C-alpha cells in the first residue's frame, strides 16, 4: 500500500452480531487501539476510517488517505469481540518525490 491511497481491509462473518476492529501499530507491540466497536468508529480513527457493511456478513474497514502511521496489524473479531479473529498486516510505503 502506498501512502495517500485508499484501502479496504476485508472481514466476513456468519455470526449475526457486530464485529470489533482493533489496531496494533507496527512500531509498538504493547498497545492495541479499538477502531470499531459498539457500532461506531472511535477516535482518532473516525476522521479517515469507515465501515463498509453494504453486503450482509461483510465488515470491510475502509481507510482513506492511508498514512505511514496506519501501518500495523488490524484484527477483526466477530460475535461482539467474542468470536473468531481475522488478522491483517498493513504495510505502508512512502511516496517517492522526484
PDB file of N, CA and C in Angstrom:
ATOM      1  N   UNK A   1       0.838  -1.160   0.000  1.00  0.00           N
ATOM      2  CA  UNK A   1       0.000   0.000   0.000  1.00  0.00           C
ATOM      3  C   UNK A   1       0.890   1.233   0.000  1.00  0.00           C
ATOM      4  N   UNK A   2       0.542   2.207  -0.808  1.00  0.00           N
ATOM      5  CA  UNK A   2       1.318   3.448  -0.906  1.00  0.00           C
ATOM      6  C   UNK A   2       0.583   4.563  -0.165  1.00  0.00           C
ATOM      7  N   UNK A   3       1.332   5.326   0.578  1.00  0.00           N
ATOM      8  CA  UNK A   3       0.786   6.453   1.329  1.00  0.00           C
ATOM      9  C   UNK A   3      -0.083   7.330   0.424  1.00  0.00           C
ATOM     10  N   UNK A   4      -1.242   7.751   0.938  1.00  0.00           N
ATOM     11  CA  UNK A   4      -2.148   8.627   0.205  1.00  0.00           C
ATOM     12  C   UNK A   4      -3.260   7.904  -0.521  1.00  0.00           C
ATOM     13  N   UNK A   5      -3.117   6.594  -0.744  1.00  0.00           N
ATOM     14  CA  UNK A   5      -4.156   5.820  -1.428  1.00  0.00           C
ATOM     15  C   UNK A   5      -5.248   5.408  -0.430  1.00  0.00           C
ATOM     16  N   UNK A   6      -6.334   4.862  -0.939  1.00  0.00           N
ATOM     17  CA  UNK A   6      -7.396   4.313  -0.106  1.00  0.00           C
ATOM     18  C   UNK A   6      -7.285   2.801  -0.109  1.00  0.00           C
ATOM     19  N   UNK A   7      -7.712   2.186   0.982  1.00  0.00           N
ATOM     20  CA  UNK A   7      -7.576   0.737   1.113  1.00  0.00           C
ATOM     21  C   UNK A   7      -8.709   0.196   1.980  1.00  0.00           C
ATOM     22  N   UNK A   8      -9.214  -0.985   1.620  1.00  0.00           N
ATOM     23  CA  UNK A   8     -10.238  -1.650   2.416  1.00  0.00           C
ATOM     24  C   UNK A   8      -9.708  -2.993   2.889  1.00  0.00           C
ATOM     25  N   UNK A   9      -9.791  -3.218   4.189  1.00  0.00           N
ATOM     26  CA  UNK A   9      -9.382  -4.486   4.783  1.00  0.00           C
ATOM     27  C   UNK A   9     -10.643  -5.330   4.939  1.00  0.00           C
ATOM     28  N   UNK A  10     -10.693  -6.492   4.290  1.00  0.00           N
ATOM     29  CA  UNK A  10     -11.910  -7.298   4.330  1.00  0.00           C
ATOM     30  C   UNK A  10     -12.074  -8.072   5.639  1.00  0.00           C
ATOM     31  N   UNK A  11     -13.318  -8.306   6.000  1.00  0.00           N
ATOM     32  CA  UNK A  11     -13.639  -9.178   7.128  1.00  0.00           C
ATOM     33  C   UNK A  11     -15.053  -9.684   6.911  1.00  0.00           C
ATOM     34  N   UNK A  12     -15.234 -10.969   7.091  1.00  0.00           N
ATOM     35  CA  UNK A  12     -16.556 -11.556   6.938  1.00  0.00           C
ATOM     36  C   UNK A  12     -16.892 -12.444   8.114  1.00  0.00           C
ATOM     37  N   UNK A  13     -18.186 -12.612   8.363  1.00  0.00           N
ATOM     38  CA  UNK A  13     -18.639 -13.458   9.455  1.00  0.00           C
ATOM     39  C   UNK A  13     -19.991 -14.066   9.111  1.00  0.00           C
ATOM     40  N   UNK A  14     -20.276 -15.184   9.696  1.00  0.00           N
ATOM     41  CA  UNK A  14     -21.596 -15.808   9.555  1.00  0.00           C
ATOM     42  C   UNK A  14     -22.411 -15.616  10.826  1.00  0.00           C
ATOM     43  N   UNK A  15     -21.812 -14.997  11.831  1.00  0.00           N
ATOM     44  CA  UNK A  15     -22.487 -14.747  13.100  1.00  0.00           C
ATOM     45  C   UNK A  15     -23.338 -13.496  12.963  1.00  0.00           C
ATOM     46  N   UNK A  16     -24.553 -13.547  13.452  1.00  0.00           N
ATOM     47  CA  UNK A  16     -25.459 -12.398  13.366  1.00  0.00           C
ATOM     48  C   UNK A  16     -25.242 -11.463  14.560  1.00  0.00           C
ATOM     49  N   UNK A  17     -24.043 -10.904  14.638  1.00  0.00           N
ATOM     50  CA  UNK A  17     -23.689  -9.959  15.695  1.00  0.00           C
ATOM     51  C   UNK A  17     -22.563  -9.080  15.181  1.00  0.00           C
ATOM     52  N   UNK A  18     -22.459  -7.901  15.751  1.00  0.00           N
ATOM     53  CA  UNK A  18     -21.448  -6.933  15.324  1.00  0.00           C
ATOM     54  C   UNK A  18     -20.031  -7.478  15.450  1.00  0.00           C
ATOM     55  N   UNK A  19     -19.145  -6.948  14.621  1.00  0.00           N
ATOM     56  CA  UNK A  19     -17.712  -7.260  14.738  1.00  0.00           C
ATOM     57  C   UNK A  19     -17.025  -6.129  15.486  1.00  0.00           C
ATOM     58  N   UNK A  20     -15.825  -6.391  15.944  1.00  0.00           N
ATOM     59  CA  UNK A  20     -14.946  -5.377  16.517  1.00  0.00           C
ATOM     60  C   UNK A  20     -13.697  -5.336  15.668  1.00  0.00           C
ATOM     61  N   UNK A  21     -13.155  -4.145  15.455  1.00  0.00           N
ATOM     62  CA  UNK A  21     -11.873  -3.965  14.783  1.00  0.00           C
ATOM     63  C   UNK A  21     -10.882  -3.377  15.776  1.00  0.00           C
ATOM     64  N   UNK A  22      -9.701  -3.980  15.859  1.00  0.00           N
ATOM     65  CA  UNK A  22      -8.613  -3.491  16.711  1.00  0.00           C
ATOM     66  C   UNK A  22      -7.400  -3.173  15.849  1.00  0.00           C
ATOM     67  N   UNK A  23      -6.552  -2.262  16.324  1.00  0.00           N
ATOM     68  CA  UNK A  23      -5.340  -1.886  15.616  1.00  0.00           C
ATOM     69  C   UNK A  23      -4.154  -1.943  16.575  1.00  0.00           C
ATOM     70  N   UNK A  24      -3.084  -2.587  16.119  1.00  0.00           N
ATOM     71  CA  UNK A  24      -1.824  -2.632  16.864  1.00  0.00           C
ATOM     72  C   UNK A  24      -0.749  -2.066  15.949  1.00  0.00           C
ATOM     73  N   UNK A  25      -0.173  -0.891  16.286  1.00  0.00           N
ATOM     74  CA  UNK A  25       0.837  -0.270  15.424  1.00  0.00           C
ATOM     75  C   UNK A  25       2.067  -1.153  15.252  1.00  0.00           C
ATOM     76  N   UNK A  26       2.703  -1.058  14.099  1.00  0.00           N
ATOM     77  CA  UNK A  26       3.921  -1.826  13.828  1.00  0.00           C
ATOM     78  C   UNK A  26       5.045  -1.461  14.784  1.00  0.00           C
ATOM     79  N   UNK A  27       5.112  -0.203  15.144  1.00  0.00           N
ATOM     80  CA  UNK A  27       6.226   0.290  15.950  1.00  0.00           C
ATOM     81  C   UNK A  27       6.047   0.075  17.451  1.00  0.00           C
ATOM     82  N   UNK A  28       4.873  -0.403  17.896  1.00  0.00           N
ATOM     83  CA  UNK A  28       4.635  -0.581  19.324  1.00  0.00           C
ATOM     84  C   UNK A  28       3.727  -1.786  19.538  1.00  0.00           C
ATOM     85  N   UNK A  29       4.316  -2.914  19.876  1.00  0.00           N
ATOM     86  CA  UNK A  29       3.530  -4.137  20.019  1.00  0.00           C
ATOM     87  C   UNK A  29       2.831  -4.236  21.373  1.00  0.00           C
ATOM     88  N   UNK A  30       3.010  -3.250  22.243  1.00  0.00           N
ATOM     89  CA  UNK A  30       2.393  -3.267  23.564  1.00  0.00           C
ATOM     90  C   UNK A  30       0.988  -2.667  23.574  1.00  0.00           C
ATOM     91  N   UNK A  31       0.655  -1.875  22.588  1.00  0.00           N
ATOM     92  CA  UNK A  31      -0.607  -1.131  22.590  1.00  0.00           C
ATOM     93  C   UNK A  31      -1.538  -1.629  21.491  1.00  0.00           C
ATOM     94  N   UNK A  32      -2.810  -1.785  21.833  1.00  0.00           N
ATOM     95  CA  UNK A  32      -3.864  -2.037  20.834  1.00  0.00           C
ATOM     96  C   UNK A  32      -4.936  -0.975  21.014  1.00  0.00           C
ATOM     97  N   UNK A  33      -5.458  -0.497  19.903  1.00  0.00           N
ATOM     98  CA  UNK A  33      -6.495   0.533  19.911  1.00  0.00           C
ATOM     99  C   UNK A  33      -7.787  -0.059  19.363  1.00  0.00           C
ATOM    100  N   UNK A  34      -8.909   0.326  19.934  1.00  0.00           N
ATOM    101  CA  UNK A  34     -10.209  -0.023  19.366  1.00  0.00           C
ATOM    102  C   UNK A  34     -10.483   0.920  18.206  1.00  0.00           C
ATOM    103  N   UNK A  35     -10.679   0.368  17.030  1.00  0.00           N
ATOM    104  CA  UNK A  35     -11.032   1.169  15.859  1.00  0.00           C
ATOM    105  C   UNK A  35     -12.554   1.225  15.748  1.00  0.00           C
ATOM    106  N   UNK A  36     -13.185   0.053  15.775  1.00  0.00           N
ATOM    107  CA  UNK A  36     -14.641  -0.044  15.651  1.00  0.00           C
ATOM    108  C   UNK A  36     -15.176  -1.035  16.675  1.00  0.00           C
ATOM    109  N   UNK A  37     -16.078  -0.578  17.510  1.00  0.00           N
ATOM    110  CA  UNK A  37     -16.837  -1.456  18.389  1.00  0.00           C
ATOM    111  C   UNK A  37     -18.031  -0.680  18.914  1.00  0.00           C
ATOM    112  N   UNK A  38     -19.002  -1.398  19.445  1.00  0.00           N
ATOM    113  CA  UNK A  38     -20.250  -0.815  19.914  1.00  0.00           C
ATOM    114  C   UNK A  38     -20.920   0.020  18.825  1.00  0.00           C
ATOM    115  N   UNK A  39     -20.769  -0.438  17.564  1.00  0.00           N
ATOM    116  CA  UNK A  39     -21.481   0.178  16.459  1.00  0.00           C
ATOM    117  C   UNK A  39     -20.927   1.465  15.905  1.00  0.00           C
ATOM    118  N   UNK A  40     -19.684   1.826  16.270  1.00  0.00           N
ATOM    119  CA  UNK A  40     -19.134   3.072  15.727  1.00  0.00           C
ATOM    120  C   UNK A  40     -17.615   3.041  15.648  1.00  0.00           C
ATOM    121  N   UNK A  41     -17.079   3.915  14.786  1.00  0.00           N
ATOM    122  CA  UNK A  41     -15.638   4.121  14.648  1.00  0.00           C
ATOM    123  C   UNK A  41     -15.226   5.113  15.743  1.00  0.00           C
ATOM    124  N   UNK A  42     -14.144   4.802  16.444  1.00  0.00           N
ATOM    125  CA  UNK A  42     -13.713   5.630  17.572  1.00  0.00           C
ATOM    126  C   UNK A  42     -12.513   6.499  17.209  1.00  0.00           C
ATOM    127  N   UNK A  43     -12.286   7.538  17.998  1.00  0.00           N
ATOM    128  CA  UNK A  43     -11.143   8.435  17.820  1.00  0.00           C
ATOM    129  C   UNK A  43      -9.862   7.673  18.010  1.00  0.00           C
ATOM    130  N   UNK A  44      -8.817   8.021  17.342  1.00  0.00           N
ATOM    131  CA  UNK A  44      -8.652   9.061  16.329  1.00  0.00           C
ATOM    132  C   UNK A  44      -8.972   8.563  14.916  1.00  0.00           C
ATOM    133  N   UNK A  45      -9.527   7.364  14.807  1.00  0.00           N
ATOM    134  CA  UNK A  45      -9.765   6.732  13.511  1.00  0.00           C
ATOM    135  C   UNK A  45     -10.987   7.289  12.784  1.00  0.00           C
ATOM    136  N   UNK A  46     -11.861   7.987  13.480  1.00  0.00           N
ATOM    137  CA  UNK A  46     -13.136   8.412  12.898  1.00  0.00           C
ATOM    138  C   UNK A  46     -13.024   9.498  11.830  1.00  0.00           C
ATOM    139  N   UNK A  47     -11.833  10.020  11.580  1.00  0.00           N
ATOM    140  CA  UNK A  47     -11.703  11.044  10.540  1.00  0.00           C
ATOM    141  C   UNK A  47     -11.456  10.449   9.153  1.00  0.00           C
ATOM    142  N   UNK A  48     -10.787   9.277   9.071  1.00  0.00           N
ATOM    143  CA  UNK A  48     -10.455   8.701   7.770  1.00  0.00           C
ATOM    144  C   UNK A  48     -10.935   7.265   7.598  1.00  0.00           C
ATOM    145  N   UNK A  49     -11.485   6.673   8.626  1.00  0.00           N
ATOM    146  CA  UNK A  49     -11.904   5.278   8.583  1.00  0.00           C
ATOM    147  C   UNK A  49     -13.428   5.178   8.553  1.00  0.00           C
ATOM    148  N   UNK A  50     -13.937   4.234   7.760  1.00  0.00           N
ATOM    149  CA  UNK A  50     -15.370   3.938   7.719  1.00  0.00           C
ATOM    150  C   UNK A  50     -15.525   2.418   7.682  1.00  0.00           C
ATOM    151  N   UNK A  51     -16.743   1.967   7.917  1.00  0.00           N
ATOM    152  CA  UNK A  51     -17.026   0.538   7.861  1.00  0.00           C
ATOM    153  C   UNK A  51     -18.001   0.285   6.729  1.00  0.00           C
ATOM    154  N   UNK A  52     -17.629  -0.607   5.804  1.00  0.00           N
ATOM    155  CA  UNK A  52     -18.488  -0.957   4.677  1.00  0.00           C
ATOM    156  C   UNK A  52     -19.289  -2.203   5.048  1.00  0.00           C
ATOM    157  N   UNK A  53     -20.579  -2.004   5.238  1.00  0.00           N
ATOM    158  CA  UNK A  53     -21.475  -3.117   5.587  1.00  0.00           C
ATOM    159  C   UNK A  53     -22.558  -3.278   4.528  1.00  0.00           C
ATOM    160  N   UNK A  54     -22.249  -2.908   3.300  1.00  0.00           N
ATOM    161  CA  UNK A  54     -23.245  -2.937   2.225  1.00  0.00           C
ATOM    162  C   UNK A  54     -23.655  -4.358   1.845  1.00  0.00           C
ATOM    163  N   UNK A  55     -22.828  -5.348   2.165  1.00  0.00           N
ATOM    164  CA  UNK A  55     -23.151  -6.750   1.896  1.00  0.00           C
ATOM    165  C   UNK A  55     -23.327  -7.442   3.248  1.00  0.00           C
ATOM    166  N   UNK A  56     -24.457  -8.111   3.485  1.00  0.00           N
ATOM    167  CA  UNK A  56     -24.663  -8.787   4.769  1.00  0.00           C
ATOM    168  C   UNK A  56     -23.527  -9.759   5.085  1.00  0.00           C
ATOM    169  N   UNK A  57     -23.024  -9.672   6.322  1.00  0.00           N
ATOM    170  CA  UNK A  57     -21.955 -10.553   6.765  1.00  0.00           C
ATOM    171  C   UNK A  57     -20.556 -10.051   6.482  1.00  0.00           C
ATOM    172  N   UNK A  58     -20.428  -8.935   5.741  1.00  0.00           N
ATOM    173  CA  UNK A  58     -19.113  -8.356   5.458  1.00  0.00           C
ATOM    174  C   UNK A  58     -18.956  -7.036   6.199  1.00  0.00           C
ATOM    175  N   UNK A  59     -17.782  -6.848   6.785  1.00  0.00           N
ATOM    176  CA  UNK A  59     -17.477  -5.655   7.573  1.00  0.00           C
ATOM    177  C   UNK A  59     -16.110  -5.126   7.156  1.00  0.00           C
ATOM    178  N   UNK A  60     -16.019  -4.570   5.959  1.00  0.00           N
ATOM    179  CA  UNK A  60     -14.753  -4.066   5.439  1.00  0.00           C
ATOM    180  C   UNK A  60     -14.366  -2.760   6.102  1.00  0.00           C
ATOM    181  N   UNK A  61     -13.149  -2.700   6.611  1.00  0.00           N
ATOM    182  CA  UNK A  61     -12.645  -1.475   7.221  1.00  0.00           C
ATOM    183  C   UNK A  61     -11.968  -0.653   6.130  1.00  0.00           C
ATOM    184  N   UNK A  62     -12.550   0.490   5.802  1.00  0.00           N
ATOM    185  CA  UNK A  62     -12.076   1.345   4.704  1.00  0.00           C
ATOM    186  C   UNK A  62     -11.240   2.487   5.278  1.00  0.00           C
ATOM    187  N   UNK A  63     -10.038   2.655   4.738  1.00  0.00           N
ATOM    188  CA  UNK A  63      -9.135   3.716   5.164  1.00  0.00           C
ATOM    189  C   UNK A  63      -8.913   4.632   3.971  1.00  0.00           C
ATOM    190  N   UNK A  64      -9.268   5.900   4.117  1.00  0.00           N
ATOM    191  CA  UNK A  64      -8.994   6.852   3.047  1.00  0.00           C
ATOM    192  C   UNK A  64      -7.698   7.590   3.384  1.00  0.00           C
ATOM    193  N   UNK A  65      -6.969   7.981   2.349  1.00  0.00           N
ATOM    194  CA  UNK A  65      -5.721   8.725   2.517  1.00  0.00           C
ATOM    195  C   UNK A  65      -4.791   8.023   3.517  1.00  0.00           C
ATOM    196  N   UNK A  66      -4.415   6.785   3.202  1.00  0.00           N
ATOM    197  CA  UNK A  66      -3.570   5.972   4.085  1.00  0.00           C
ATOM    198  C   UNK A  66      -2.287   6.722   4.435  1.00  0.00           C
ATOM    199  N   UNK A  67      -1.940   6.705   5.718  1.00  0.00           N
ATOM    200  CA  UNK A  67      -0.749   7.374   6.227  1.00  0.00           C
ATOM    201  C   UNK A  67       0.259   6.337   6.719  1.00  0.00           C
ATOM    202  N   UNK A  68       1.526   6.739   6.832  1.00  0.00           N
ATOM    203  CA  UNK A  68       2.566   5.825   7.290  1.00  0.00           C
ATOM    204  C   UNK A  68       2.242   5.244   8.669  1.00  0.00           C
ATOM    205  N   UNK A  69       1.639   6.054   9.548  1.00  0.00           N
ATOM    206  CA  UNK A  69       1.332   5.562  10.892  1.00  0.00           C
ATOM    207  C   UNK A  69       0.115   4.627  10.932  1.00  0.00           C
ATOM    208  N   UNK A  70      -0.499   4.361   9.779  1.00  0.00           N
ATOM    209  CA  UNK A  70      -1.583   3.362   9.700  1.00  0.00           C
ATOM    210  C   UNK A  70      -1.019   1.948   9.588  1.00  0.00           C
ATOM    211  N   UNK A  71       0.284   1.826   9.375  1.00  0.00           N
ATOM    212  CA  UNK A  71       0.910   0.507   9.247  1.00  0.00           C
ATOM    213  C   UNK A  71       0.788  -0.251  10.561  1.00  0.00           C
ATOM    214  N   UNK A  72       0.468  -1.527  10.444  1.00  0.00           N
ATOM    215  CA  UNK A  72       0.368  -2.355  11.639  1.00  0.00           C
ATOM    216  C   UNK A  72      -0.574  -3.520  11.417  1.00  0.00           C
ATOM    217  N   UNK A  73      -1.077  -4.049  12.513  1.00  0.00           N
ATOM    218  CA  UNK A  73      -1.939  -5.226  12.486  1.00  0.00           C
ATOM    219  C   UNK A  73      -3.371  -4.832  12.819  1.00  0.00           C
ATOM    220  N   UNK A  74      -4.279  -5.176  11.936  1.00  0.00           N
ATOM    221  CA  UNK A  74      -5.699  -4.924  12.124  1.00  0.00           C
ATOM    222  C   UNK A  74      -6.377  -6.262  12.384  1.00  0.00           C
ATOM    223  N   UNK A  75      -7.111  -6.339  13.476  1.00  0.00           N
ATOM    224  CA  UNK A  75      -7.782  -7.569  13.857  1.00  0.00           C
ATOM    225  C   UNK A  75      -9.282  -7.356  13.854  1.00  0.00           C
ATOM    226  N   UNK A  76      -9.965  -8.194  13.109  1.00  0.00           N
ATOM    227  CA  UNK A  76     -11.427  -8.200  13.080  1.00  0.00           C
ATOM    228  C   UNK A  76     -11.875  -9.390  13.934  1.00  0.00           C
ATOM    229  N   UNK A  77     -12.723  -9.126  14.907  1.00  0.00           N
ATOM    230  CA  UNK A  77     -13.224 -10.181  15.790  1.00  0.00           C
ATOM    231  C   UNK A  77     -14.741 -10.192  15.685  1.00  0.00           C
ATOM    232  N   UNK A  78     -15.294 -11.327  15.287  1.00  0.00           N
ATOM    233  CA  UNK A  78     -16.750 -11.375  15.156  1.00  0.00           C
ATOM    234  C   UNK A  78     -17.421 -11.691  16.495  1.00  0.00           C
ATOM    235  N   UNK A  79     -18.740 -11.711  16.486  1.00  0.00           N
ATOM    236  CA  UNK A  79     -19.562 -12.010  17.659  1.00  0.00           C
ATOM    237  C   UNK A  79     -19.268 -11.069  18.821  1.00  0.00           C
ATOM    238  N   UNK A  80     -19.287  -9.757  18.508  1.00  0.00           N
ATOM    239  CA  UNK A  80     -19.068  -8.692  19.503  1.00  0.00           C
ATOM    240  C   UNK A  80     -17.762  -8.869  20.274  1.00  0.00           C
ATOM    241  N   UNK A  81     -16.716  -9.272  19.575  1.00  0.00           N
ATOM    242  CA  UNK A  81     -15.408  -9.415  20.190  1.00  0.00           C
ATOM    243  C   UNK A  81     -15.184 -10.734  20.912  1.00  0.00           C
ATOM    244  N   UNK A  82     -16.132 -11.671  20.789  1.00  0.00           N
ATOM    245  CA  UNK A  82     -16.022 -12.956  21.488  1.00  0.00           C
ATOM    246  C   UNK A  82     -15.723 -14.123  20.554  1.00  0.00           C
ATOM    247  N   UNK A  83     -15.706 -13.880  19.243  1.00  0.00           N
ATOM    248  CA  UNK A  83     -15.612 -14.978  18.284  1.00  0.00           C
ATOM    249  C   UNK A  83     -14.268 -15.108  17.599  1.00  0.00           C
ATOM    250  N   UNK A  84     -14.341 -15.503  16.335  1.00  0.00           N
ATOM    251  CA  UNK A  84     -13.141 -15.732  15.523  1.00  0.00           C
ATOM    252  C   UNK A  84     -12.392 -14.431  15.261  1.00  0.00           C
ATOM    253  N   UNK A  85     -11.069 -14.550  15.189  1.00  0.00           N
ATOM    254  CA  UNK A  85     -10.203 -13.401  14.908  1.00  0.00           C
ATOM    255  C   UNK A  85      -9.612 -13.547  13.507  1.00  0.00           C
ATOM    256  N   UNK A  86      -9.624 -12.450  12.776  1.00  0.00           N
ATOM    257  CA  UNK A  86      -9.014 -12.383  11.453  1.00  0.00           C
ATOM    258  C   UNK A  86      -7.991 -11.253  11.514  1.00  0.00           C
ATOM    259  N   UNK A  87      -6.711 -11.579  11.330  1.00  0.00           N
ATOM    260  CA  UNK A  87      -5.643 -10.585  11.461  1.00  0.00           C
ATOM    261  C   UNK A  87      -5.089 -10.240  10.082  1.00  0.00           C
ATOM    262  N   UNK A  88      -4.923  -8.945   9.839  1.00  0.00           N
ATOM    263  CA  UNK A  88      -4.416  -8.442   8.561  1.00  0.00           C
ATOM    264  C   UNK A  88      -3.255  -7.493   8.850  1.00  0.00           C
ATOM    265  N   UNK A  89      -2.126  -7.728   8.227  1.00  0.00           N
ATOM    266  CA  UNK A  89      -0.967  -6.834   8.383  1.00  0.00           C
ATOM    267  C   UNK A  89      -0.975  -5.824   7.242  1.00  0.00           C
ATOM    268  N   UNK A  90      -0.979  -4.545   7.585  1.00  0.00           N
ATOM    269  CA  UNK A  90      -0.940  -3.473   6.591  1.00  0.00           C
ATOM    270  C   UNK A  90       0.456  -2.863   6.582  1.00  0.00           C
ATOM    271  N   UNK A  91       1.099  -2.914   5.418  1.00  0.00           N
ATOM    272  CA  UNK A  91       2.407  -2.296   5.212  1.00  0.00           C
ATOM    273  C   UNK A  91       2.196  -1.073   4.332  1.00  0.00           C
ATOM    274  N   UNK A  92       2.704   0.066   4.776  1.00  0.00           N
ATOM    275  CA  UNK A  92       2.534   1.328   4.041  1.00  0.00           C
ATOM    276  C   UNK A  92       3.897   1.835   3.598  1.00  0.00           C
ATOM    277  N   UNK A  93       4.001   2.118   2.291  1.00  0.00           N
ATOM    278  CA  UNK A  93       5.227   2.682   1.741  1.00  0.00           C
ATOM    279  C   UNK A  93       5.030   4.164   1.495  1.00  0.00           C
ATOM    280  N   UNK A  94       6.075   4.944   1.743  1.00  0.00           N
ATOM    281  CA  UNK A  94       6.013   6.383   1.488  1.00  0.00           C
ATOM    282  C   UNK A  94       6.017   6.684   0.003  1.00  0.00           C
ATOM    283  N   UNK A  95       5.548   7.869  -0.333  1.00  0.00           N
ATOM    284  CA  UNK A  95       5.565   8.309  -1.734  1.00  0.00           C
ATOM    285  C   UNK A  95       6.982   8.676  -2.155  1.00  0.00           C
ATOM    286  N   UNK A  96       7.281   8.430  -3.412  1.00  0.00           N
ATOM    287  CA  UNK A  96       8.558   8.833  -3.968  1.00  0.00           C
ATOM    288  C   UNK A  96       8.428  10.248  -4.518  1.00  0.00           C
ATOM    289  N   UNK A  97       9.322  11.116  -4.086  1.00  0.00           N
ATOM    290  CA  UNK A  97       9.311  12.508  -4.541  1.00  0.00           C
ATOM    291  C   UNK A  97      10.405  12.664  -5.592  1.00  0.00           C
ATOM    292  N   UNK A  98      10.029  13.178  -6.757  1.00  0.00           N
ATOM    293  CA  UNK A  98      11.000  13.382  -7.820  1.00  0.00           C
ATOM    294  C   UNK A  98      11.450  14.820  -7.877  1.00  0.00           C
TER     295      UNK A  98
END
